[in-house]
Amino acid sequence: MITLTVNGATHNFEQALSVAQLLQHLGLVGKRLALERNGEIVPRSSFTSQQLADGDKLEVVIAVGGG
């Protein structure tokens, strides 16, 4: 089991997952967003290959358009 902190909220998962799998779990696939893992920006190109580890702290910022 791994524990992740996403925007201050704790999430538990049975097994390790990628950034892309986490975003799918959170319902954020296809959204314009930026993701920071343990203080470092994660490039969108590595979302599928970057595996998350127990204790990771993530911040997800979703772009909102307006006028």
C-alpha atoms as a PDB file:
ATOM      1  CA  MET A   1       0.000   0.000   0.000  1.00  0.00           C
ATOM      2  CA  ILE A   2       1.206   3.532  -0.744  1.00  0.00           C
ATOM      3  CA  THR A   3       0.041   6.830   0.682  1.00  0.00           C
ATOM      4  CA  LEU A   4       0.106  10.018  -1.384  1.00  0.00           C
ATOM      5  CA  THR A   5      -0.754  13.567  -0.378  1.00  0.00           C
ATOM      6  CA  VAL A   6      -2.535  15.441  -3.166  1.00  0.00           C
ATOM      7  CA  ASN A   7      -3.259  19.130  -2.556  1.00  0.00           C
ATOM      8  CA  GLY A   8      -3.116  18.458   1.180  1.00  0.00           C
ATOM      9  CA  ALA A   9      -5.486  15.449   1.137  1.00  0.00           C
ATOM     10  CA  THR A  10      -4.267  11.928   1.897  1.00  0.00           C
ATOM     11  CA  HIS A  11      -5.006   9.163  -0.620  1.00  0.00           C
ATOM     12  CA  ASN A  12      -4.205   5.462  -0.114  1.00  0.00           C
ATOM     13  CA  PHE A  13      -3.646   3.016  -2.968  1.00  0.00           C
ATOM     14  CA  GLU A  14      -3.132  -0.744  -2.971  1.00  0.00           C
ATOM     15  CA  GLN A  15      -0.152  -0.539  -5.324  1.00  0.00           C
ATOM     16  CA  ALA A  16       2.179   1.961  -6.941  1.00  0.00           C
ATOM     17  CA  LEU A  17       0.765   3.951  -9.838  1.00  0.00           C
ATOM     18  CA  SER A  18       1.913   6.414 -12.457  1.00  0.00           C
ATOM     19  CA  VAL A  19       1.079  10.104 -12.552  1.00  0.00           C
ATOM     20  CA  ALA A  20      -1.297   9.372 -15.470  1.00  0.00           C
ATOM     21  CA  GLN A  21      -3.110   6.679 -13.443  1.00  0.00           C
ATOM     22  CA  LEU A  22      -3.460   9.062 -10.495  1.00  0.00           C
ATOM     23  CA  LEU A  23      -4.956  11.760 -12.729  1.00  0.00           C
ATOM     24  CA  GLN A  24      -7.399   9.199 -14.126  1.00  0.00           C
ATOM     25  CA  HIS A  25      -8.375   8.179 -10.578  1.00  0.00           C
ATOM     26  CA  LEU A  26      -8.953  11.853  -9.687  1.00  0.00           C
ATOM     27  CA  GLY A  27     -11.023  12.472 -12.826  1.00  0.00           C
ATOM     28  CA  LEU A  28      -8.561  14.978 -14.246  1.00  0.00           C
ATOM     29  CA  VAL A  29      -7.695  13.335 -17.573  1.00  0.00           C
ATOM     30  CA  GLY A  30      -7.824  15.841 -20.428  1.00  0.00           C
ATOM     31  CA  LYS A  31      -7.743  18.892 -18.147  1.00  0.00           C
ATOM     32  CA  ARG A  32      -5.192  21.651 -18.592  1.00  0.00           C
ATOM     33  CA  LEU A  33      -3.079  21.315 -15.480  1.00  0.00           C
ATOM     34  CA  ALA A  34       0.362  21.500 -13.931  1.00  0.00           C
ATOM     35  CA  LEU A  35       1.616  18.917 -11.477  1.00  0.00           C
ATOM     36  CA  GLU A  36       4.354  19.260  -8.892  1.00  0.00           C
ATOM     37  CA  ARG A  37       5.840  16.213  -7.170  1.00  0.00           C
ATOM     38  CA  ASN A  38       7.879  16.764  -4.023  1.00  0.00           C
ATOM     39  CA  GLY A  39       8.609  20.350  -5.060  1.00  0.00           C
ATOM     40  CA  GLU A  40       9.528  19.629  -8.693  1.00  0.00           C
ATOM     41  CA  ILE A  41       7.375  20.196 -11.785  1.00  0.00           C
ATOM     42  CA  VAL A  42       6.537  16.961 -13.630  1.00  0.00           C
ATOM     43  CA  PRO A  43       6.593  17.418 -17.427  1.00  0.00           C
ATOM     44  CA  ARG A  44       3.386  16.290 -19.111  1.00  0.00           C
ATOM     45  CA  SER A  45       5.480  14.070 -21.403  1.00  0.00           C
ATOM     46  CA  SER A  46       6.477  11.911 -18.425  1.00  0.00           C
ATOM     47  CA  PHE A  47       3.013  11.484 -16.840  1.00  0.00           C
ATOM     48  CA  THR A  48       2.713   7.886 -18.112  1.00  0.00           C
ATOM     49  CA  SER A  49       6.265   6.836 -17.235  1.00  0.00           C
ATOM     50  CA  GLN A  50       6.722   8.542 -13.855  1.00  0.00           C
ATOM     51  CA  GLN A  51       5.855   6.124 -11.038  1.00  0.00           C
ATOM     52  CA  LEU A  52       4.700   7.573  -7.724  1.00  0.00           C
ATOM     53  CA  ALA A  53       6.153   6.338  -4.446  1.00  0.00           C
ATOM     54  CA  ASP A  54       4.886   6.041  -0.895  1.00  0.00           C
ATOM     55  CA  GLY A  55       4.980   9.427   0.834  1.00  0.00           C
ATOM     56  CA  ASP A  56       5.020  11.560  -2.326  1.00  0.00           C
ATOM     57  CA  LYS A  57       3.482  15.011  -1.944  1.00  0.00           C
ATOM     58  CA  LEU A  58       1.746  16.322  -5.044  1.00  0.00           C
ATOM     59  CA  GLU A  59       0.217  19.652  -5.917  1.00  0.00           C
ATOM     60  CA  VAL A  60      -2.148  19.794  -8.888  1.00  0.00           C
ATOM     61  CA  VAL A  61      -3.099  23.161 -10.337  1.00  0.00           C
ATOM     62  CA  ILE A  62      -5.885  23.276 -12.927  1.00  0.00           C
ATOM     63  CA  ALA A  63      -5.923  26.107 -15.471  1.00  0.00           C
ATOM     64  CA  VAL A  64      -9.223  28.003 -15.523  1.00  0.00           C
ATOM     65  CA  GLY A  65     -10.149  30.232 -18.435  1.00  0.00           C
ATOM     66  CA  GLY A  66     -12.286  33.284 -18.095  1.00  0.00           C
ATOM     67  CA  GLY A  67     -12.910  36.659 -19.465  1.00  0.00           C
END
